[in-house]
Amino acid sequence: MFRMVRTEIWKLKRYHMIWAGILLMLLSVLLTVFSTTASDGIVWTFSFFTEQVLKNNITMIFPMCITLLAGYIITREVRDDTLKSIVTVPVSYGDLLWGKLFVCGLLSLFLGFVSAVFTVIANLIMRFPGISITAVLQAFIQIILNCLFLYIAVMPIIVVTARMLNGHLIGTIIAFAYGYGGMFAAGNINLANIYPITASMGLIQYRSYDEAVHWNIGVCGLSMLAAFMVSAVIMAATKNIALVKTVRKQKKSVAKKGW
């Protein structure tokens, strides 16, 4: 497994799609910066800006982003026609998928770190009050962990759509709707504790200082565990199923005789 993970990390260097993930993390911060221009009387501070970045990541950007990248990484072997060479090695297709999913988890942590860096830079440019070493460390921890939990929340979508050759595109659409549904789930704290997307907010104690917010860490953890277990069950059912690249045979044109 270690060699498999190390090999997948080496492959990430040639995937230009990773830059799309970095740009999406920048987009989340830029959307937050744009919202600060609204004249709605809100006093923007470092902590409040970080919370808005988290909200954009949760409801709009990250579920779609990580599903797109993970699906792309998983199906790349089929598109490049290298899977037939890999399966000759005594490694099951299920183990190969687990290795890729583990690397995608590391990628989610990396994208969370990138998002946190962009958040701090934007705060320094906008000069919002309340920035401190403690606040910056908290922002990094919350954003990075939240990206990891969101990845676990959308993992069932990634695993299901991994069976399809271009399933990462379908999974991206489903993940976007799944993440956007978090906006409605957040309106009810009981539902927010159960819904995996918003449960990630509870695990990082999003706005826990607000008396109206009551996160149930146990329920949030069970919700995240359930998402992971569903993914594991699907993986166990498809451990011996590999994607097959279909190739259409071209019909030979018969040359006509005579003039």
Protein backbone atom coordinates (compact mmCIF):
# COMPACT_ATOMS: atom_id res chain seq x y z
CA MET A 1 0.00 0.00 0.00
CA PHE A 2 2.85 2.39 0.84
CA ARG A 3 4.43 1.93 -2.59
CA MET A 4 1.06 2.38 -4.23
CA VAL A 5 0.43 5.64 -2.38
CA ARG A 6 3.94 6.88 -3.14
CA THR A 7 3.48 6.13 -6.83
CA GLU A 8 0.14 7.97 -6.92
CA ILE A 9 1.75 10.99 -5.27
CA TRP A 10 4.43 11.00 -7.96
CA LYS A 11 1.68 10.92 -10.60
CA LEU A 12 0.10 14.06 -9.16
CA LYS A 13 3.03 16.07 -10.51
CA ARG A 14 1.88 15.50 -14.09
CA TYR A 15 -1.80 16.20 -13.45
CA HIS A 16 -2.50 19.75 -14.58
CA MET A 17 -6.01 19.33 -13.14
CA ILE A 18 -4.52 19.99 -9.69
CA TRP A 19 -4.09 23.62 -10.72
CA ALA A 20 -7.84 23.76 -11.31
CA GLY A 21 -8.33 22.79 -7.66
CA ILE A 22 -5.95 25.54 -6.53
CA LEU A 23 -7.81 28.08 -8.67
CA LEU A 24 -11.13 26.95 -7.18
CA MET A 25 -9.73 27.53 -3.69
CA LEU A 26 -8.73 31.02 -4.81
CA LEU A 27 -12.21 31.53 -6.24
CA SER A 28 -13.77 30.76 -2.86
CA VAL A 29 -11.67 33.49 -1.23
CA LEU A 30 -12.33 35.96 -4.06
CA LEU A 31 -16.09 35.41 -3.73
CA THR A 32 -15.77 36.23 -0.04
CA VAL A 33 -13.75 39.36 -0.81
CA PHE A 34 -16.42 40.43 -3.30
CA SER A 35 -19.14 40.00 -0.65
CA THR A 36 -17.30 42.44 1.63
CA THR A 37 -18.13 45.27 -0.79
CA ALA A 38 -21.85 45.01 -0.02
CA SER A 39 -23.21 47.89 2.06
CA ASP A 40 -25.17 45.78 4.54
CA GLY A 41 -23.73 47.17 7.77
CA ILE A 42 -21.72 44.04 8.61
CA VAL A 43 -18.46 44.66 10.44
CA TRP A 44 -15.84 42.44 8.84
CA THR A 45 -13.11 40.96 11.01
CA PHE A 46 -10.51 38.27 10.41
CA SER A 47 -12.62 35.60 12.13
CA PHE A 48 -15.81 36.57 10.30
CA PHE A 49 -14.00 36.59 6.95
CA THR A 50 -12.62 33.10 7.68
CA GLU A 51 -16.12 31.87 8.52
CA GLN A 52 -17.44 33.15 5.20
CA VAL A 53 -14.62 31.40 3.34
CA LEU A 54 -15.55 28.19 5.16
CA LYS A 55 -19.18 28.64 4.19
CA ASN A 56 -18.30 29.13 0.52
CA ASN A 57 -16.03 26.08 0.62
CA ILE A 58 -18.74 23.96 2.22
CA THR A 59 -21.78 24.94 0.18
CA MET A 60 -20.36 25.74 -3.25
CA ILE A 61 -16.71 25.04 -3.97
CA PHE A 62 -15.00 22.14 -2.22
CA PRO A 63 -17.44 19.20 -2.61
CA MET A 64 -17.53 19.87 -6.34
CA CYS A 65 -13.76 20.47 -6.49
CA ILE A 66 -12.59 17.32 -4.70
CA THR A 67 -15.11 15.11 -6.51
CA LEU A 68 -13.86 16.38 -9.86
CA LEU A 69 -10.20 15.86 -8.94
CA ALA A 70 -10.69 12.46 -7.30
CA GLY A 71 -12.77 11.16 -10.21
CA TYR A 72 -10.18 12.44 -12.66
CA ILE A 73 -7.35 10.71 -10.78
CA ILE A 74 -9.24 7.43 -10.51
CA THR A 75 -10.33 7.22 -14.16
CA ARG A 76 -7.02 8.49 -15.55
CA GLU A 77 -5.68 4.94 -15.82
CA VAL A 78 -8.54 4.05 -18.16
CA ARG A 79 -8.29 7.15 -20.32
CA ASP A 80 -4.53 6.70 -20.69
CA ASP A 81 -5.05 2.97 -21.37
CA THR A 82 -2.57 2.02 -18.61
CA LEU A 83 -4.98 -0.02 -16.49
CA LYS A 84 -4.36 -3.18 -18.54
CA SER A 85 -0.69 -2.97 -17.59
CA ILE A 86 -1.39 -2.29 -13.91
CA VAL A 87 -3.74 -5.27 -13.48
CA THR A 88 -0.92 -7.62 -14.48
CA VAL A 89 0.70 -6.76 -11.15
CA PRO A 90 -0.65 -8.93 -8.25
CA VAL A 91 -2.71 -6.04 -6.88
CA SER A 92 -6.51 -6.08 -6.87
CA TYR A 93 -8.49 -3.27 -8.42
CA GLY A 94 -10.03 -2.57 -5.00
CA ASP A 95 -6.59 -2.03 -3.44
CA LEU A 96 -5.71 0.26 -6.33
CA LEU A 97 -8.82 2.34 -5.66
CA TRP A 98 -8.11 2.50 -1.92
CA GLY A 99 -4.63 3.79 -2.68
CA LYS A 100 -6.03 6.47 -4.97
CA LEU A 101 -8.68 7.45 -2.40
CA PHE A 102 -6.01 7.76 0.29
CA VAL A 103 -3.98 10.08 -1.96
CA CYS A 104 -7.13 12.11 -2.65
CA GLY A 105 -7.49 12.52 1.12
CA LEU A 106 -3.96 13.91 1.24
CA LEU A 107 -4.87 16.16 -1.68
CA SER A 108 -7.87 17.50 0.25
CA LEU A 109 -5.55 18.42 3.12
CA PHE A 110 -3.23 20.19 0.67
CA LEU A 111 -6.10 22.14 -0.88
CA GLY A 112 -7.28 23.08 2.61
CA PHE A 113 -3.82 24.42 3.35
CA VAL A 114 -3.86 26.40 0.09
CA SER A 115 -7.29 27.82 0.96
CA ALA A 116 -6.04 28.87 4.39
CA VAL A 117 -3.02 30.61 2.85
CA PHE A 118 -5.24 32.50 0.40
CA THR A 119 -7.54 33.45 3.29
CA VAL A 120 -4.73 34.94 5.36
CA ILE A 121 -3.27 36.79 2.36
CA ALA A 122 -6.69 38.26 1.52
CA ASN A 123 -7.10 39.41 5.13
CA LEU A 124 -3.72 41.10 5.07
CA ILE A 125 -4.63 42.90 1.85
CA MET A 126 -8.08 43.95 3.09
CA ARG A 127 -6.65 44.86 6.54
CA PHE A 128 -9.51 43.45 8.56
CA PRO A 129 -9.09 43.79 12.34
CA GLY A 130 -8.71 40.88 14.73
CA ILE A 131 -5.81 39.07 13.09
CA SER A 132 -3.42 37.37 15.50
CA ILE A 133 -1.24 34.28 15.65
CA THR A 134 -3.96 32.40 17.55
CA ALA A 135 -6.63 33.42 15.04
CA VAL A 136 -4.42 32.41 12.11
CA LEU A 137 -3.66 29.00 13.64
CA GLN A 138 -7.35 28.43 14.29
CA ALA A 139 -8.18 29.39 10.70
CA PHE A 140 -5.60 26.94 9.34
CA ILE A 141 -6.82 24.10 11.55
CA GLN A 142 -10.50 24.69 10.79
CA ILE A 143 -10.11 25.10 7.02
CA ILE A 144 -7.75 22.14 6.58
CA LEU A 145 -9.81 19.74 8.72
CA ASN A 146 -13.03 20.92 7.12
CA CYS A 147 -11.69 20.04 3.66
CA LEU A 148 -10.80 16.54 4.90
CA PHE A 149 -14.26 16.02 6.42
CA LEU A 150 -15.94 17.30 3.26
CA TYR A 151 -13.92 14.79 1.25
CA ILE A 152 -15.21 11.98 3.47
CA ALA A 153 -18.75 13.33 3.07
CA VAL A 154 -18.60 13.13 -0.74
CA MET A 155 -16.59 9.88 -0.86
CA PRO A 156 -19.70 7.74 -1.59
CA ILE A 157 -20.35 9.85 -4.69
CA ILE A 158 -16.74 9.45 -5.79
CA VAL A 159 -16.79 5.68 -5.30
CA VAL A 160 -20.08 5.19 -7.16
CA THR A 161 -19.16 7.37 -10.14
CA ALA A 162 -15.68 5.80 -10.31
CA ARG A 163 -17.26 2.87 -12.19
CA MET A 164 -18.00 5.14 -15.15
CA LEU A 165 -15.42 6.30 -17.65
CA ASN A 166 -16.51 9.94 -17.42
CA GLY A 167 -18.24 9.55 -14.09
CA HIS A 168 -16.23 12.34 -12.47
CA LEU A 169 -18.24 14.86 -14.51
CA ILE A 170 -21.55 13.39 -13.35
CA GLY A 171 -20.21 13.14 -9.80
CA THR A 172 -19.19 16.80 -9.88
CA ILE A 173 -22.75 17.87 -10.67
CA ILE A 174 -24.17 15.63 -7.93
CA ALA A 175 -21.56 16.86 -5.42
CA PHE A 176 -22.39 20.49 -6.21
CA ALA A 177 -26.10 19.86 -5.50
CA TYR A 178 -25.13 17.85 -2.42
CA GLY A 179 -22.98 20.70 -1.09
CA TYR A 180 -25.53 23.37 -1.95
CA GLY A 181 -28.10 21.41 0.04
CA GLY A 182 -26.02 22.23 3.09
CA MET A 183 -27.39 25.77 2.97
CA PHE A 184 -30.88 24.42 3.64
CA ALA A 185 -29.73 21.82 6.18
CA ALA A 186 -27.95 24.54 8.17
CA GLY A 187 -31.32 26.14 8.89
CA ASN A 188 -32.17 23.32 11.31
CA ILE A 189 -29.47 22.43 13.81
CA ASN A 190 -30.76 18.86 14.24
CA LEU A 191 -30.63 18.26 10.50
CA ALA A 192 -27.27 20.04 10.31
CA ASN A 193 -25.81 17.54 12.80
CA ILE A 194 -26.94 14.61 10.62
CA TYR A 195 -26.33 15.92 7.09
CA PRO A 196 -22.70 14.97 6.31
CA ILE A 197 -21.85 18.23 4.57
CA THR A 198 -22.94 20.37 7.53
CA ALA A 199 -21.71 17.78 10.03
CA SER A 200 -18.22 18.77 8.91
CA MET A 201 -18.99 22.23 10.29
CA GLY A 202 -19.87 20.75 13.66
CA LEU A 203 -16.64 18.77 13.84
CA ILE A 204 -14.59 21.97 13.44
CA GLN A 205 -16.90 23.87 15.82
CA TYR A 206 -18.01 26.40 13.21
CA ARG A 207 -19.43 29.48 14.99
CA SER A 208 -19.56 27.54 18.25
CA TYR A 209 -19.29 30.81 20.17
CA ASP A 210 -22.83 31.67 19.03
CA GLU A 211 -25.39 30.72 21.70
CA ALA A 212 -27.89 29.78 18.98
CA VAL A 213 -25.53 27.15 17.56
CA HIS A 214 -25.51 23.81 19.39
CA TRP A 215 -23.39 21.21 17.64
CA ASN A 216 -23.64 17.59 18.73
CA ILE A 217 -20.11 16.28 18.17
CA GLY A 218 -21.18 12.67 18.65
CA VAL A 219 -23.94 12.85 16.02
CA CYS A 220 -21.66 14.75 13.62
CA GLY A 221 -18.98 12.10 14.06
CA LEU A 222 -21.47 9.28 13.45
CA SER A 223 -22.69 11.03 10.30
CA MET A 224 -19.13 11.23 8.99
CA LEU A 225 -18.47 7.61 9.97
CA ALA A 226 -21.63 6.53 8.16
CA ALA A 227 -20.46 8.26 4.96
CA PHE A 228 -17.12 6.45 5.19
CA MET A 229 -18.74 3.08 5.91
CA VAL A 230 -21.08 3.45 2.93
CA SER A 231 -18.03 4.09 0.77
CA ALA A 232 -16.28 1.02 2.22
CA VAL A 233 -19.31 -1.19 1.53
CA ILE A 234 -19.50 0.00 -2.07
CA MET A 235 -15.77 -0.55 -2.45
CA ALA A 236 -16.08 -4.10 -1.06
CA ALA A 237 -18.84 -4.85 -3.57
CA THR A 238 -16.76 -3.60 -6.49
CA LYS A 239 -13.30 -4.77 -5.45
CA ASN A 240 -13.00 -7.12 -8.40
CA ILE A 241 -14.64 -4.87 -10.96
CA ALA A 242 -12.40 -2.86 -13.21
CA LEU A 243 -13.28 -0.21 -15.71
CA VAL A 244 -13.13 -1.32 -19.29
CA LYS A 245 -12.26 1.10 -22.00
CA THR A 246 -14.48 0.49 -24.97
CA VAL A 247 -12.98 0.89 -28.36
CA ARG A 248 -15.16 1.16 -31.42
CA LYS A 249 -13.98 -0.85 -34.35
CA GLN A 250 -13.84 1.11 -37.54
CA LYS A 251 -15.58 -0.51 -40.44
CA LYS A 252 -13.33 -1.22 -43.37
CA SER A 253 -14.41 0.59 -46.46
CA VAL A 254 -14.65 -1.67 -49.48
CA ALA A 255 -13.22 -0.12 -52.62
CA LYS A 256 -15.56 -0.25 -55.55
CA LYS A 257 -14.38 -2.03 -58.63
CA GLY A 258 -14.33 -0.35 -61.97
CA TRP A 259 -14.86 3.29 -62.77
